[in-house]
Amino acid sequence: MNNPKNSLRNGVMFNAYPDSIGTKLSDLVTFFQKKELENTFSFCYLLPTFFNSDLDRGFSIIDYNLNEELVTAEDVTALKNLNIQLKFDIVLNHLSVASPQFKDLLEHGEKSIYKDFFINWNDFWENHGIINEEGIVIPNYEFLQKLFMRKSGLPILKVPFPDGTEKPYWNTFYQEITYKKFTKDDFSKIDGIPENQTAFICQKINDAIDQKMEIENIDFEENNYLKENILQIIQKNKCFLGQMDVNAKSELVWGFYEETLKKLKKFGCKILRLDAFAYLHKEVGETNFFNKPGTWNYLDRIQQIATKNDLIVLPEIHAEYGLHLHEEVAQKGYHFYDFFLPGLLIHTLETKNNSALIHWIDEIITKKYNTINMLGCHDGIPILDLKGKENQKGLLNDTEIDDLMEIILKRGGRIKNLYDAAGKKLSYYQINATFFSALGEDEQKLLLARAIQLFMPGIPQVWYLDVFAGKNNYEAADNAGSGGHKEINRTAISMEEIEKSINKNVVSNQLKIIQLRNNLSAFLGNIEFQNSSKEQLQITWRNETSFATLDANLKTSSFSISYEENKTKNTLFF
C-alpha cells in the first residue's frame, strides 16, 4: 500500500500537551514565535487534552470538540501561519463514559440507539463462559488464558442502568471509581438500624473512602447483618470514570469515525495517530490484541476514510520486537513509531557499545522502514518492545534488558506492567521516567542522545520536557495516586522558566542541532554509517553536494557535526 500520500515532508516534530508550555495553547504559540525557535520545528503533535476529555490525561475522549479551557481556533490558525503541520490522535478503541454516546446508553438502557456502540461483556461472552455470583460471565479457561491484558483483573467496568441493575462493559484501559462522603442521615431510613449506630457506620465508610479501601471489605462489626442494605446505599452514591471500548462491528462506530476525521481535518490535522488501534478488533478465542486478519481489515477501512480527508495515518503499536508486527505494519506502507530507539540509546550510552544500535539502523535502512522516532514522550520508556520471541534474542537479550531496567529504576524510574486474566504479572512493559533522569541527569549524554536521534532514519519527534532537560517529578507522580506514574514526565514549564533556561547550554545546543536537522537539505538524501569500533559512531546523510556527518565518541560522549550546505562547510563540536 505504498501510497505517495502516505509520506511526510522532512522536518522535526514537537510533542506536548496544549498546556505543557505555559498554561494554554496560546503560550505554546508564543514559544514557537521566539527568535530562538525560528525554523526549528515543522510539525507539532498536540496530545488529546486538545479535545474534551476526563481521564488518562486526554486519552479518555468525551468528544472531539476543542477544549475551550486550553485551545482556541485562533491558536490553530497561528500554528498554521508558522508553517507548522499538526498531528492529532484519534483514540480508536474507546470513548469516555461521559461521551454523549455512553451517557445516552446509561439514560435509556436497552432503548438507547447506542445500545450496540459499546461492548456488553456478558453479551460478548454469552455461551462461552459461566456467570459468577456477581453476575459477570467468566470466559472459559481456553479463552481467558489467551486474553492480552493491560491491567490486573477482567477488563470490565460495571455501570448502573435505569432498571437498577449494573452491567459489565468492556474496559481495556483506565477506570476510576470514587464515592461521595456520607452523613449519618444517609443511613437513618434502613429498617432495623439502631439510631446510635448511624454515626459509627458513616465514620467507617468515610474512613474507608479516605484510605481507598475496598468498600465491600468494611467490617461494620455488630451491624454486619445490615451490610447488604448499607452497601446498596453506598453504591447509589458511586461516581465513575472509564475508557469504554467501542464495538467496531457497529456501523454507528464507523459513522462516528467518519465524522471525527472530517472534524480533525478542519482543525488542521495532517498526521493522524491511531491510538490503541491494535485492541479494536475483538473475537471470542483470540488474544484481542492485533487479531488477524480483523485488525488489518479495520486499518484498511480507517485508511480509506483518512485518504478522503487527506490525512496520513500513523498506527500506534507497542509489541515485542520478536513478534515483527512493526515489520508487518511497514510492509503495508505505513509509518510506525520507533519505540525501540529510547531503550537502545540508553543501552548504547551506558555500555559505550554501538552494536545493538547499528543493528537496528541497518534494519531500518535495509527494509526501508518509515519511522517516527523519539527519546521521551507522554508515556514511558518502552522495555517490552526490545524483547525477542520465546528463546530468540530481540534487539537486546534478556540480560541486557534486565541491566537497562535496573539502571533506569535506580535513577528513579517507575514500572508499568502487564497482567493475565488472573491478575498475575506477566512482564515489564515500560518504565516511567524523564529521558534526562534515565541518563543519570548527564547533560552531555542528553546532547549526544539528541544528536543520534536526529541523525537516525525517520521523522524525529521531540518531547517538550527533554528540550529543557526535565527531571523526574516524584511529587506529581505521588499526588496522582496509583495510576499516576506517568506524571513523573509531564511537568508543565512556565513562560518564566523558559526565559530563564532558553540560553542554557543544554537547551541552546539541542535547539541548534534540531535546527540543523530541520533545515539542511542533506537530510532529504540518503543515509550511511560506518562502524570502525564499538565505541565510535559515525552517521552521514548525503544529498547531491550537501552532506551532514555525526561523529561520536561513546566512551567520552563527545561528538562533532560536520556539514556542507550551499557550498559552505562547517563543523560544530560538543
Protein backbone atom coordinates (compact mmCIF):
# COMPACT_ATOMS: atom_id res chain seq x y z
CA MET A 1 0.00 0.00 0.00
CA ASN A 2 2.84 2.38 -0.81
CA ASN A 3 0.62 5.39 -1.30
CA PRO A 4 2.51 8.61 -2.17
CA LYS A 5 0.02 10.45 0.05
CA ASN A 6 1.30 8.35 2.94
CA SER A 7 4.65 10.16 3.06
CA LEU A 8 5.88 13.02 5.23
CA ARG A 9 7.99 16.00 4.38
CA ASN A 10 11.38 16.36 6.04
CA GLY A 11 11.39 18.06 9.42
CA VAL A 12 11.31 17.77 13.20
CA MET A 13 8.17 17.30 15.28
CA PHE A 14 7.49 18.98 18.64
CA ASN A 15 5.38 16.96 21.08
CA ALA A 16 3.41 18.43 24.01
CA TYR A 17 0.07 18.85 25.69
CA PRO A 18 -1.69 22.15 24.90
CA ASP A 19 -0.74 23.33 28.41
CA SER A 20 2.79 21.87 28.64
CA ILE A 21 4.32 25.24 27.79
CA GLY A 22 2.73 27.93 29.95
CA THR A 23 -0.93 27.31 30.74
CA LYS A 24 -2.67 27.02 27.35
CA LEU A 25 -2.01 26.59 23.65
CA SER A 26 -1.57 30.32 23.02
CA ASP A 27 1.54 30.16 25.24
CA LEU A 28 2.96 27.39 23.06
CA VAL A 29 2.33 29.61 20.02
CA THR A 30 4.26 32.42 21.75
CA PHE A 31 7.08 29.94 22.44
CA PHE A 32 7.27 28.96 18.75
CA GLN A 33 7.37 32.64 17.81
CA LYS A 34 10.55 33.27 19.82
CA LYS A 35 13.61 34.09 17.71
CA GLU A 36 15.45 31.13 19.27
CA LEU A 37 12.77 28.81 17.82
CA GLU A 38 12.72 30.18 14.28
CA ASN A 39 12.64 27.33 11.72
CA THR A 40 13.16 24.76 14.47
CA PHE A 41 10.05 22.60 14.06
CA SER A 42 7.98 21.57 11.05
CA PHE A 43 5.35 19.58 12.93
CA CYS A 44 3.56 19.76 16.26
CA TYR A 45 1.96 16.71 17.86
CA LEU A 46 -0.67 18.01 20.29
CA LEU A 47 -1.88 15.42 22.76
CA PRO A 48 -5.64 14.91 23.16
CA THR A 49 -6.39 17.32 26.00
CA PHE A 50 -6.73 19.46 22.86
CA PHE A 51 -10.21 17.89 22.88
CA ASN A 52 -12.74 17.38 25.68
CA SER A 53 -11.66 14.51 27.92
CA ASP A 54 -11.83 13.40 31.54
CA LEU A 55 -9.27 10.68 32.37
CA ASP A 56 -5.83 9.35 31.46
CA ARG A 57 -4.58 12.85 30.61
CA GLY A 58 -6.69 13.21 27.49
CA PHE A 59 -6.95 9.66 26.19
CA SER A 60 -10.45 9.23 27.57
CA ILE A 61 -12.25 11.32 24.97
CA ILE A 62 -15.65 12.85 25.71
CA ASP A 63 -15.91 14.42 22.26
CA TYR A 64 -13.60 15.75 19.56
CA ASN A 65 -14.55 19.39 20.01
CA LEU A 66 -11.98 21.98 21.07
CA ASN A 67 -11.25 22.04 24.79
CA GLU A 68 -12.02 25.73 25.17
CA GLU A 69 -10.21 25.91 28.52
CA LEU A 70 -6.92 25.34 26.69
CA VAL A 71 -7.44 25.90 22.97
CA THR A 72 -8.95 28.44 20.59
CA ALA A 73 -9.44 28.38 16.82
CA GLU A 74 -7.08 31.37 16.65
CA ASP A 75 -4.30 29.27 18.19
CA VAL A 76 -4.70 26.66 15.47
CA THR A 77 -4.57 29.37 12.78
CA ALA A 78 -1.42 30.84 14.35
CA LEU A 79 0.35 27.46 14.17
CA LYS A 80 -0.65 27.13 10.52
CA ASN A 81 0.77 30.60 9.85
CA LEU A 82 4.08 29.42 11.35
CA ASN A 83 4.11 26.66 8.69
CA ILE A 84 3.76 24.02 11.40
CA GLN A 85 1.70 20.97 10.42
CA LEU A 86 -0.41 19.34 13.12
CA LYS A 87 -0.64 15.79 14.33
CA PHE A 88 -3.56 14.59 16.48
CA ASP A 89 -4.80 11.35 17.99
CA ILE A 90 -7.98 9.51 17.33
CA VAL A 91 -8.48 7.04 20.17
CA LEU A 92 -9.96 4.22 18.12
CA ASN A 93 -10.56 1.66 20.84
CA HIS A 94 -12.56 3.62 23.39
CA LEU A 95 -14.55 6.65 24.50
CA SER A 96 -15.26 8.13 27.92
CA VAL A 97 -18.30 7.11 30.00
CA ALA A 98 -19.07 10.84 29.78
CA SER A 99 -19.27 10.76 25.99
CA PRO A 100 -22.70 11.60 24.53
CA GLN A 101 -22.96 8.03 23.24
CA PHE A 102 -22.35 6.33 26.57
CA LYS A 103 -24.48 8.83 28.50
CA ASP A 104 -27.37 8.05 26.17
CA LEU A 105 -26.85 4.34 26.85
CA LEU A 106 -26.90 4.94 30.60
CA GLU A 107 -30.04 7.06 30.37
CA HIS A 108 -32.09 4.88 28.02
CA GLY A 109 -30.66 1.41 28.61
CA GLU A 110 -31.87 -1.19 26.12
CA LYS A 111 -33.84 1.51 24.26
CA SER A 112 -30.73 3.60 23.52
CA ILE A 113 -29.77 3.98 19.86
CA TYR A 114 -26.20 3.41 21.12
CA LYS A 115 -27.03 0.04 22.69
CA ASP A 116 -24.52 -1.70 20.40
CA PHE A 117 -21.99 1.16 20.23
CA PHE A 118 -20.10 -0.28 23.22
CA ILE A 119 -19.39 -3.88 24.26
CA ASN A 120 -21.55 -5.52 26.89
CA TRP A 121 -19.10 -8.04 28.35
CA ASN A 122 -21.75 -10.62 29.19
CA ASP A 123 -23.33 -10.43 25.74
CA PHE A 124 -19.93 -10.81 24.09
CA TRP A 125 -19.08 -13.95 26.10
CA GLU A 126 -22.57 -15.47 26.08
CA ASN A 127 -22.35 -19.27 25.71
CA HIS A 128 -18.56 -19.05 26.12
CA GLY A 129 -18.29 -18.92 29.92
CA ILE A 130 -20.00 -19.22 33.29
CA ILE A 131 -21.79 -16.43 35.19
CA ASN A 132 -20.29 -15.91 38.65
CA GLU A 133 -22.08 -14.79 41.83
CA GLU A 134 -21.61 -11.14 40.83
CA GLY A 135 -23.46 -11.69 37.56
CA ILE A 136 -20.33 -11.47 35.40
CA VAL A 137 -19.51 -14.05 32.73
CA ILE A 138 -16.11 -15.62 33.36
CA PRO A 139 -14.88 -16.83 29.95
CA ASN A 140 -13.95 -20.48 29.61
CA TYR A 141 -10.33 -21.17 30.53
CA GLU A 142 -9.17 -21.75 26.96
CA PHE A 143 -10.44 -18.26 26.04
CA LEU A 144 -9.43 -16.49 29.22
CA GLN A 145 -5.80 -17.61 29.12
CA LYS A 146 -5.35 -16.12 25.66
CA LEU A 147 -6.52 -12.60 26.55
CA PHE A 148 -3.87 -9.88 26.39
CA MET A 149 -4.38 -7.61 29.43
CA ARG A 150 -3.39 -4.02 30.17
CA LYS A 151 -4.33 -4.21 33.86
CA SER A 152 -4.99 -6.82 36.54
CA GLY A 153 -8.41 -8.46 36.68
CA LEU A 154 -11.04 -8.68 34.00
CA PRO A 155 -11.16 -5.71 31.59
CA ILE A 156 -14.61 -4.54 32.68
CA LEU A 157 -16.41 -1.68 34.40
CA LYS A 158 -19.84 -2.33 35.93
CA VAL A 159 -22.18 0.56 35.18
CA PRO A 160 -25.67 1.33 36.56
CA PHE A 161 -28.70 1.14 34.28
CA PRO A 162 -32.15 2.75 34.62
CA ASP A 163 -33.73 -0.51 35.81
CA GLY A 164 -31.44 -0.51 38.85
CA THR A 165 -29.11 -3.24 37.57
CA GLU A 166 -25.36 -2.98 37.00
CA LYS A 167 -23.98 -4.35 33.76
CA PRO A 168 -20.34 -5.08 32.90
CA TYR A 169 -18.91 -3.28 29.87
CA TRP A 170 -15.56 -3.92 28.23
CA ASN A 171 -12.94 -1.56 29.66
CA THR A 172 -9.42 -2.44 28.47
CA PHE A 173 -7.64 0.58 29.89
CA TYR A 174 -8.29 3.04 32.71
CA GLN A 175 -11.18 3.34 35.10
CA GLU A 176 -11.63 5.36 38.25
CA ILE A 177 -14.37 4.75 40.83
CA THR A 178 -14.96 7.22 43.66
CA TYR A 179 -17.57 7.65 46.38
CA LYS A 180 -19.12 10.77 47.79
CA LYS A 181 -18.75 11.30 51.54
CA PHE A 182 -21.73 10.29 53.69
CA THR A 183 -23.61 11.69 56.68
CA LYS A 184 -25.43 9.62 59.30
CA ASP A 185 -28.76 10.74 57.84
CA ASP A 186 -27.99 8.76 54.68
CA PHE A 187 -28.49 5.52 56.66
CA SER A 188 -31.25 6.51 59.05
CA LYS A 189 -34.01 5.01 56.87
CA ILE A 190 -32.63 1.47 56.92
CA ASP A 191 -35.16 -0.72 58.72
CA GLY A 192 -33.82 -2.06 62.00
CA ILE A 193 -30.74 0.13 62.20
CA PRO A 194 -30.08 1.40 65.74
CA GLU A 195 -30.12 5.20 65.75
CA ASN A 196 -26.97 5.34 67.85
CA GLN A 197 -25.07 3.30 65.22
CA THR A 198 -25.62 5.52 62.16
CA ALA A 199 -22.73 7.83 63.09
CA PHE A 200 -20.44 4.79 63.60
CA ILE A 201 -21.40 3.33 60.20
CA CYS A 202 -20.93 6.70 58.49
CA GLN A 203 -17.46 7.13 60.02
CA LYS A 204 -16.42 3.63 58.95
CA ILE A 205 -17.40 4.31 55.35
CA ASN A 206 -15.81 7.76 55.13
CA ASP A 207 -12.57 6.42 56.63
CA ALA A 208 -12.55 3.64 54.00
CA ILE A 209 -13.08 6.21 51.24
CA ASP A 210 -10.16 8.32 52.54
CA GLN A 211 -7.92 5.26 52.73
CA LYS A 212 -9.09 4.00 49.32
CA MET A 213 -10.12 0.68 50.80
CA GLU A 214 -12.43 -1.78 49.07
CA ILE A 215 -15.90 -0.75 50.22
CA GLU A 216 -17.10 -4.37 50.20
CA ASN A 217 -14.43 -5.25 52.80
CA ILE A 218 -15.60 -2.82 55.50
CA ASP A 219 -16.28 -4.52 58.82
CA PHE A 220 -19.38 -2.96 60.37
CA GLU A 221 -18.95 -5.20 63.44
CA GLU A 222 -22.28 -5.70 65.20
CA ASN A 223 -24.07 -4.11 62.23
CA ASN A 224 -22.78 -6.58 59.63
CA TYR A 225 -26.26 -8.14 59.43
CA LEU A 226 -27.30 -4.88 57.72
CA LYS A 227 -24.31 -4.82 55.38
CA GLU A 228 -26.26 -5.58 52.19
CA ASN A 229 -28.62 -2.66 52.84
CA ILE A 230 -25.72 -0.35 53.68
CA LEU A 231 -23.82 -1.30 50.52
CA GLN A 232 -26.87 -0.60 48.37
CA ILE A 233 -26.95 2.98 49.66
CA ILE A 234 -23.19 3.33 49.12
CA GLN A 235 -23.41 2.12 45.53
CA LYS A 236 -26.07 4.73 44.70
CA ASN A 237 -23.50 7.41 45.57
CA LYS A 238 -20.81 5.92 43.36
CA CYS A 239 -19.09 8.10 40.75
CA PHE A 240 -17.06 6.52 38.00
CA LEU A 241 -14.90 7.36 35.02
CA GLY A 242 -13.75 4.90 32.42
CA GLN A 243 -12.48 4.40 28.89
CA MET A 244 -15.19 2.20 27.43
CA ASP A 245 -14.23 0.00 24.47
CA VAL A 246 -16.32 0.64 21.37
CA ASN A 247 -17.87 -2.08 19.28
CA ALA A 248 -16.32 -1.82 15.82
CA LYS A 249 -18.89 -4.29 14.49
CA SER A 250 -21.42 -1.47 14.79
CA GLU A 251 -21.86 0.79 11.77
CA LEU A 252 -22.61 3.63 14.20
CA VAL A 253 -18.99 3.44 15.31
CA TRP A 254 -17.73 3.78 11.74
CA GLY A 255 -20.08 6.69 11.19
CA PHE A 256 -18.51 8.28 14.26
CA TYR A 257 -15.02 7.75 12.81
CA GLU A 258 -16.13 9.37 9.53
CA GLU A 259 -17.46 12.40 11.38
CA THR A 260 -14.35 12.66 13.59
CA LEU A 261 -11.81 12.57 10.75
CA LYS A 262 -13.68 15.32 8.91
CA LYS A 263 -13.61 17.40 12.08
CA LEU A 264 -9.88 16.84 12.65
CA LYS A 265 -9.11 17.88 9.09
CA LYS A 266 -10.93 21.17 9.74
CA PHE A 267 -8.73 21.67 12.82
CA GLY A 268 -5.67 21.46 10.55
CA CYS A 269 -4.72 17.83 11.13
CA LYS A 270 -2.20 16.37 8.68
CA ILE A 271 -0.96 13.31 10.59
CA LEU A 272 -3.44 11.06 12.40
CA ARG A 273 -2.07 8.83 15.13
CA LEU A 274 -4.29 5.78 15.66
CA ASP A 275 -4.12 5.29 19.41
CA ALA A 276 -4.78 1.74 20.68
CA PHE A 277 -5.87 0.56 17.22
CA ALA A 278 -4.49 -2.93 17.87
CA TYR A 279 -7.14 -3.51 20.56
CA LEU A 280 -10.10 -2.55 18.37
CA HIS A 281 -10.86 -5.90 16.78
CA LYS A 282 -12.28 -8.40 19.28
CA GLU A 283 -13.25 -12.00 18.72
CA VAL A 284 -14.01 -14.94 21.03
CA GLY A 285 -10.99 -17.24 21.12
CA GLU A 286 -8.48 -14.55 20.10
CA THR A 287 -5.95 -12.59 22.16
CA ASN A 288 -7.86 -9.39 21.30
CA PHE A 289 -4.59 -7.63 20.64
CA PHE A 290 -3.80 -7.31 16.94
CA ASN A 291 -6.19 -10.05 15.90
CA LYS A 292 -5.52 -11.10 12.31
CA PRO A 293 -6.91 -10.52 9.77
CA GLY A 294 -9.50 -8.41 11.60
CA THR A 295 -7.09 -5.67 12.68
CA TRP A 296 -5.80 -5.28 9.12
CA ASN A 297 -9.36 -5.07 7.80
CA TYR A 298 -10.18 -2.31 10.27
CA LEU A 299 -6.95 -0.48 9.48
CA ASP A 300 -7.72 -0.59 5.75
CA ARG A 301 -11.15 0.86 6.43
CA ILE A 302 -9.71 3.69 8.54
CA GLN A 303 -7.14 4.36 5.81
CA GLN A 304 -9.94 4.79 3.27
CA ILE A 305 -11.61 7.42 5.48
CA ALA A 306 -8.24 9.14 6.07
CA THR A 307 -7.47 9.25 2.36
CA LYS A 308 -10.75 11.06 1.70
CA ASN A 309 -9.63 13.68 4.22
CA ASP A 310 -6.01 13.91 3.01
CA LEU A 311 -4.67 12.57 6.32
CA ILE A 312 -1.53 10.49 6.84
CA VAL A 313 -2.25 7.55 9.12
CA LEU A 314 0.20 6.54 11.85
CA PRO A 315 -0.76 3.27 13.58
CA GLU A 316 0.47 3.17 17.18
CA ILE A 317 1.58 -0.21 18.44
CA HIS A 318 3.65 -1.47 21.36
CA ALA A 319 4.79 -5.06 20.89
CA GLU A 320 7.89 -7.20 21.28
CA TYR A 321 10.43 -6.89 18.51
CA GLY A 322 10.29 -10.67 18.18
CA LEU A 323 6.66 -10.57 17.02
CA HIS A 324 7.73 -8.46 13.99
CA LEU A 325 4.45 -6.55 14.00
CA HIS A 326 6.42 -3.39 13.22
CA GLU A 327 7.64 -5.07 10.05
CA GLU A 328 4.12 -6.09 9.05
CA VAL A 329 2.90 -2.51 9.55
CA ALA A 330 5.79 -1.23 7.43
CA GLN A 331 5.09 -3.74 4.67
CA LYS A 332 1.55 -2.37 4.45
CA GLY A 333 3.07 1.02 3.60
CA TYR A 334 2.54 2.77 6.94
CA HIS A 335 4.91 4.79 9.08
CA PHE A 336 5.34 3.30 12.54
CA TYR A 337 6.65 4.55 15.85
CA ASP A 338 10.24 3.58 16.60
CA PHE A 339 9.55 2.59 20.19
CA PHE A 340 12.81 0.63 20.13
CA LEU A 341 15.09 3.65 19.98
CA PRO A 342 14.73 5.13 23.52
CA GLY A 343 15.86 1.94 25.26
CA LEU A 344 18.52 1.23 22.64
CA LEU A 345 20.03 4.70 23.08
CA ILE A 346 20.22 4.41 26.86
CA HIS A 347 21.80 0.97 26.48
CA THR A 348 24.26 2.33 23.90
CA LEU A 349 25.36 5.29 26.00
CA GLU A 350 25.62 3.32 29.24
CA THR A 351 27.53 0.35 27.78
CA LYS A 352 29.52 2.56 25.36
CA ASN A 353 28.80 -0.06 22.72
CA ASN A 354 27.08 0.72 19.40
CA SER A 355 26.39 -2.89 18.30
CA ALA A 356 22.67 -3.08 19.08
CA LEU A 357 22.02 0.39 17.72
CA ILE A 358 23.93 -0.29 14.49
CA HIS A 359 21.94 -3.50 14.03
CA TRP A 360 18.68 -1.54 14.28
CA ILE A 361 19.85 1.28 11.97
CA ASP A 362 20.87 -1.30 9.39
CA GLU A 363 17.46 -3.00 9.59
CA ILE A 364 15.62 0.32 9.12
CA ILE A 365 17.73 1.16 6.05
CA THR A 366 17.73 -2.31 4.53
CA LYS A 367 13.99 -2.90 4.93
CA LYS A 368 13.16 0.72 4.07
CA TYR A 369 11.05 1.34 7.15
CA ASN A 370 9.32 4.72 7.53
CA THR A 371 9.52 5.63 11.19
CA ILE A 372 8.81 8.36 13.67
CA ASN A 373 11.35 8.18 16.48
CA MET A 374 11.75 9.81 19.88
CA LEU A 375 13.66 9.93 23.16
CA GLY A 376 10.95 10.79 25.69
CA CYS A 377 7.20 11.01 25.19
CA HIS A 378 3.95 11.36 27.16
CA ASP A 379 4.21 7.67 28.02
CA GLY A 380 7.09 5.67 29.49
CA ILE A 381 10.39 4.40 28.12
CA PRO A 382 9.44 1.18 26.28
CA ILE A 383 11.04 -2.01 27.57
CA LEU A 384 8.79 -4.83 26.37
CA ASP A 385 9.38 -3.71 22.77
CA LEU A 386 13.06 -4.73 22.92
CA LYS A 387 12.35 -8.39 23.64
CA GLY A 388 12.65 -11.31 21.27
CA LYS A 389 10.15 -14.12 20.89
CA GLU A 390 10.49 -17.13 23.17
CA ASN A 391 14.17 -18.15 23.09
CA GLN A 392 15.14 -15.82 20.26
CA LYS A 393 17.08 -12.65 21.00
CA GLY A 394 15.38 -9.35 20.45
CA LEU A 395 17.16 -6.07 19.82
CA LEU A 396 18.66 -6.70 23.27
CA ASN A 397 18.98 -10.01 25.09
CA ASP A 398 17.23 -10.64 28.41
CA THR A 399 20.34 -9.84 30.47
CA GLU A 400 20.84 -6.54 28.66
CA ILE A 401 17.16 -5.67 29.16
CA ASP A 402 17.43 -6.50 32.87
CA ASP A 403 20.51 -4.29 33.15
CA LEU A 404 18.72 -1.47 31.33
CA MET A 405 15.75 -1.72 33.66
CA GLU A 406 17.97 -1.71 36.74
CA ILE A 407 19.77 1.44 35.58
CA ILE A 408 16.56 3.40 34.97
CA LEU A 409 14.91 2.17 38.17
CA LYS A 410 17.96 3.10 40.27
CA ARG A 411 17.66 6.58 38.78
CA GLY A 412 14.08 6.91 39.99
CA GLY A 413 12.01 5.36 37.21
CA ARG A 414 8.70 3.68 37.96
CA ILE A 415 7.41 0.49 36.40
CA LYS A 416 4.29 -0.30 34.39
CA ASN A 417 3.43 -3.98 33.92
CA LEU A 418 1.02 -6.21 32.01
CA TYR A 419 -1.18 -8.90 33.59
CA ASP A 420 -3.01 -12.08 32.74
CA ALA A 421 -6.70 -12.64 33.45
CA ALA A 422 -5.95 -13.97 36.94
CA GLY A 423 -4.08 -10.80 37.88
CA LYS A 424 -0.64 -12.43 37.65
CA LYS A 425 2.12 -10.11 36.47
CA LEU A 426 3.32 -11.24 33.06
CA SER A 427 6.09 -8.89 32.07
CA TYR A 428 7.54 -5.44 32.40
CA TYR A 429 6.02 -3.08 29.89
CA GLN A 430 7.58 0.34 30.22
CA ILE A 431 9.41 2.46 32.78
CA ASN A 432 8.18 5.95 33.51
CA ALA A 433 10.96 8.49 33.80
CA THR A 434 12.19 11.58 32.02
CA PHE A 435 14.83 10.70 29.46
CA PHE A 436 17.27 13.07 31.17
CA SER A 437 16.85 11.35 34.55
CA ALA A 438 17.11 7.94 32.88
CA LEU A 439 20.54 9.08 31.62
CA GLY A 440 21.61 9.94 35.16
CA GLU A 441 20.89 13.65 34.53
CA ASP A 442 24.06 13.90 32.47
CA GLU A 443 23.74 16.88 30.09
CA GLN A 444 26.44 15.69 27.71
CA LYS A 445 24.76 12.30 27.32
CA LEU A 446 21.44 14.02 26.65
CA LEU A 447 23.03 16.13 23.91
CA LEU A 448 24.60 13.06 22.32
CA ALA A 449 21.34 11.12 22.56
CA ARG A 450 19.56 14.00 20.84
CA ALA A 451 22.19 14.17 18.10
CA ILE A 452 21.96 10.43 17.43
CA GLN A 453 18.15 10.62 17.35
CA LEU A 454 18.27 13.46 14.83
CA PHE A 455 20.67 11.51 12.60
CA MET A 456 18.52 8.36 12.73
CA PRO A 457 16.34 7.42 9.76
CA GLY A 458 12.78 8.69 10.15
CA ILE A 459 10.97 11.76 11.44
CA PRO A 460 12.35 12.88 14.83
CA GLN A 461 9.72 13.66 17.48
CA VAL A 462 10.89 15.81 20.41
CA TRP A 463 9.20 15.71 23.82
CA TYR A 464 8.99 19.26 25.17
CA LEU A 465 10.38 18.37 28.61
CA ASP A 466 13.51 16.77 27.15
CA VAL A 467 14.46 20.04 25.43
CA PHE A 468 14.71 21.63 28.88
CA ALA A 469 16.45 18.62 30.49
CA GLY A 470 13.44 17.92 32.66
CA LYS A 471 13.98 15.79 35.76
CA ASN A 472 11.73 13.15 37.31
CA ASN A 473 8.79 14.80 39.10
CA TYR A 474 8.20 12.42 42.02
CA GLU A 475 5.77 14.74 43.77
CA ALA A 476 3.47 14.86 40.74
CA ALA A 477 3.59 11.08 40.36
CA ASP A 478 2.81 10.54 44.06
CA ASN A 479 -0.01 13.07 44.13
CA ALA A 480 -1.65 11.48 41.08
CA GLY A 481 -2.35 8.24 43.00
CA SER A 482 -1.95 4.61 41.99
CA GLY A 483 -2.29 5.31 38.27
CA GLY A 484 -0.21 8.46 38.31
CA HIS A 485 3.20 7.05 37.45
CA LYS A 486 3.19 8.81 34.07
CA GLU A 487 3.02 12.24 35.68
CA ILE A 488 6.71 11.82 36.53
CA ASN A 489 7.44 13.03 32.98
CA ARG A 490 4.68 15.58 32.33
CA THR A 491 5.75 18.65 34.27
CA ALA A 492 4.48 21.88 32.71
CA ILE A 493 7.09 24.58 32.05
CA SER A 494 6.10 28.15 32.83
CA MET A 495 6.91 31.00 30.48
CA GLU A 496 9.16 32.44 33.20
CA GLU A 497 11.12 29.18 33.38
CA ILE A 498 11.53 29.18 29.63
CA GLU A 499 13.00 32.69 29.66
CA LYS A 500 15.48 31.62 32.36
CA SER A 501 16.60 28.43 30.65
CA ILE A 502 16.36 29.11 26.90
CA ASN A 503 20.03 30.13 26.72
CA LYS A 504 21.42 27.35 28.91
CA ASN A 505 23.91 25.20 27.01
CA VAL A 506 21.87 22.01 27.26
CA VAL A 507 18.87 23.84 25.79
CA SER A 508 20.52 26.09 23.20
CA ASN A 509 22.75 23.27 21.92
CA GLN A 510 19.77 20.96 21.47
CA LEU A 511 17.93 23.67 19.57
CA LYS A 512 20.99 24.24 17.40
CA ILE A 513 21.14 20.55 16.43
CA ILE A 514 17.37 20.37 15.90
CA GLN A 515 17.56 23.38 13.56
CA LEU A 516 20.24 21.65 11.50
CA ARG A 517 18.07 18.55 11.19
CA ASN A 518 15.01 20.61 10.32
CA ASN A 519 16.67 22.70 7.61
CA LEU A 520 19.71 21.03 6.00
CA SER A 521 18.96 19.61 2.57
CA ALA A 522 21.36 16.72 3.29
CA PHE A 523 18.57 15.08 5.31
CA LEU A 524 16.48 14.86 2.13
CA GLY A 525 19.05 12.43 0.75
CA ASN A 526 20.44 9.04 1.75
CA ILE A 527 21.93 7.77 4.99
CA GLU A 528 25.08 5.73 5.51
CA PHE A 529 27.01 4.68 8.58
CA GLN A 530 30.48 3.46 9.49
CA ASN A 531 31.26 1.01 12.25
CA SER A 532 35.01 1.41 12.85
CA SER A 533 34.76 0.36 16.51
CA LYS A 534 32.09 -0.28 19.13
CA GLU A 535 32.99 2.95 20.91
CA GLN A 536 32.70 5.14 17.80
CA LEU A 537 29.59 6.03 15.86
CA GLN A 538 29.59 7.82 12.52
CA ILE A 539 26.41 8.54 10.56
CA THR A 540 26.32 10.57 7.34
CA TRP A 541 23.47 11.95 5.25
CA ARG A 542 24.21 12.95 1.61
CA ASN A 543 22.09 14.78 -0.92
CA GLU A 544 23.88 15.77 -4.14
CA THR A 545 26.65 18.17 -2.97
CA SER A 546 25.28 18.58 0.57
CA PHE A 547 26.18 16.35 3.49
CA ALA A 548 25.88 16.16 7.28
CA THR A 549 28.01 13.85 9.42
CA LEU A 550 27.73 12.94 13.09
CA ASP A 551 30.99 11.64 14.56
CA ALA A 552 30.51 10.46 18.16
CA ASN A 553 32.80 9.01 20.81
CA LEU A 554 30.62 6.81 23.02
CA LYS A 555 33.38 6.47 25.59
CA THR A 556 33.50 10.21 26.34
CA SER A 557 30.05 11.21 24.97
CA SER A 558 31.77 13.96 22.97
CA PHE A 559 30.78 14.43 19.34
CA SER A 560 31.00 16.70 16.32
CA ILE A 561 28.66 17.55 13.48
CA SER A 562 30.19 18.49 10.13
CA TYR A 563 28.03 19.69 7.28
CA GLU A 564 28.04 21.41 3.91
CA GLU A 565 25.12 23.50 2.65
CA ASN A 566 25.18 25.87 -0.33
CA LYS A 567 28.92 25.16 -0.79
CA THR A 568 29.64 26.35 2.76
CA LYS A 569 31.23 23.87 5.17
CA ASN A 570 31.11 23.99 8.96
CA THR A 571 31.91 21.80 11.94
CA LEU A 572 30.35 22.06 15.40
CA PHE A 573 31.97 20.43 18.42
CA PHE A 574 30.05 19.31 21.50
